[in-house]
């Protein structure tokens, strides 16, 4: 199941503030497996190219304002650590 831009933005925001994959799945109305897959894809894409560009594209759904920028930075830092 593909996530729309709004769901993807919400996924990044919630993961960035420490929510579990299961909690995120319940909040955005999908399965934990879909959340895990999307996070894996984002990580792979960020390792292939410019991580900032990957997250800028992912954040188009509305996360790229206010506190969302901080959440995205935290998420990027988490992904790059692994």
Protein backbone atom coordinates (compact mmCIF):
# COMPACT_ATOMS: atom_id res chain seq x y z
CA UNK A 1 0.00 0.00 0.00
CA UNK A 2 1.42 3.34 -1.02
CA UNK A 3 1.06 6.28 1.32
CA UNK A 4 -0.15 9.65 0.11
CA UNK A 5 1.92 12.78 0.76
CA UNK A 6 -0.03 13.67 3.88
CA UNK A 7 0.43 10.20 5.40
CA UNK A 8 4.13 10.21 4.56
CA UNK A 9 4.58 13.59 6.19
CA UNK A 10 2.74 12.41 9.27
CA UNK A 11 4.87 9.25 9.37
CA UNK A 12 8.08 11.31 9.32
CA UNK A 13 6.82 13.75 11.92
CA UNK A 14 5.71 11.03 14.33
CA UNK A 15 8.83 8.92 13.86
CA UNK A 16 10.96 12.01 14.39
CA UNK A 17 9.35 12.62 17.77
CA UNK A 18 9.82 9.01 18.84
CA UNK A 19 6.60 7.16 18.05
CA UNK A 20 6.89 3.43 17.39
CA UNK A 21 6.10 1.95 14.00
CA UNK A 22 2.93 0.39 15.41
CA UNK A 23 1.75 3.67 16.93
CA UNK A 24 2.36 5.45 13.63
CA UNK A 25 0.51 2.76 11.69
CA UNK A 26 -2.54 3.09 13.92
CA UNK A 27 -2.48 6.90 13.67
CA UNK A 28 -2.25 7.04 9.85
CA UNK A 29 -4.52 4.05 9.22
CA UNK A 30 -2.13 1.48 7.79
CA UNK A 31 -0.14 -1.54 8.94
CA UNK A 32 3.15 -1.62 10.81
CA UNK A 33 4.64 -3.44 7.81
CA UNK A 34 3.78 -0.52 5.51
CA UNK A 35 5.38 1.93 7.95
CA UNK A 36 8.52 -0.24 8.18
CA UNK A 37 8.70 -0.51 4.39
CA UNK A 38 8.32 3.25 3.88
CA UNK A 39 11.04 3.99 6.45
CA UNK A 40 13.34 1.46 4.78
CA UNK A 41 12.72 3.03 1.36
CA UNK A 42 13.44 6.52 2.69
CA UNK A 43 16.67 5.31 4.28
CA UNK A 44 17.78 3.56 1.08
CA UNK A 45 16.96 6.63 -1.02
CA UNK A 46 18.85 8.91 1.37
CA UNK A 47 21.94 6.69 1.15
CA UNK A 48 21.84 6.69 -2.68
CA UNK A 49 21.65 10.42 -3.12
CA UNK A 50 21.29 13.66 -1.21
CA UNK A 51 19.41 12.91 2.05
CA UNK A 52 18.13 16.47 2.23
CA UNK A 53 16.60 16.16 -1.22
CA UNK A 54 14.88 12.88 -0.29
CA UNK A 55 13.31 14.40 2.78
CA UNK A 56 12.35 17.63 1.04
CA UNK A 57 10.37 15.58 -1.49
CA UNK A 58 8.80 13.50 1.28
CA UNK A 59 7.77 16.58 3.21
CA UNK A 60 5.76 18.19 0.43
CA UNK A 61 2.55 17.06 2.18
CA UNK A 62 2.81 19.89 4.69
CA UNK A 63 5.40 18.94 7.26
CA UNK A 64 7.97 21.47 6.10
CA UNK A 65 6.81 24.28 8.37
CA UNK A 66 7.34 25.12 12.01
CA UNK A 67 8.02 22.15 14.26
CA UNK A 68 7.96 19.83 11.27
CA UNK A 69 11.40 20.98 10.22
CA UNK A 70 12.79 19.90 13.58
CA UNK A 71 11.04 16.54 13.32
CA UNK A 72 12.48 16.01 9.85
CA UNK A 73 15.97 16.84 11.06
CA UNK A 74 15.61 14.36 13.92
CA UNK A 75 14.34 11.69 11.54
CA UNK A 76 17.22 12.28 9.15
CA UNK A 77 19.70 11.99 12.00
CA UNK A 78 18.12 8.69 13.11
CA UNK A 79 18.22 7.22 9.64
CA UNK A 80 21.81 8.19 9.03
CA UNK A 81 22.95 6.60 12.31
CA UNK A 82 21.78 3.12 11.30
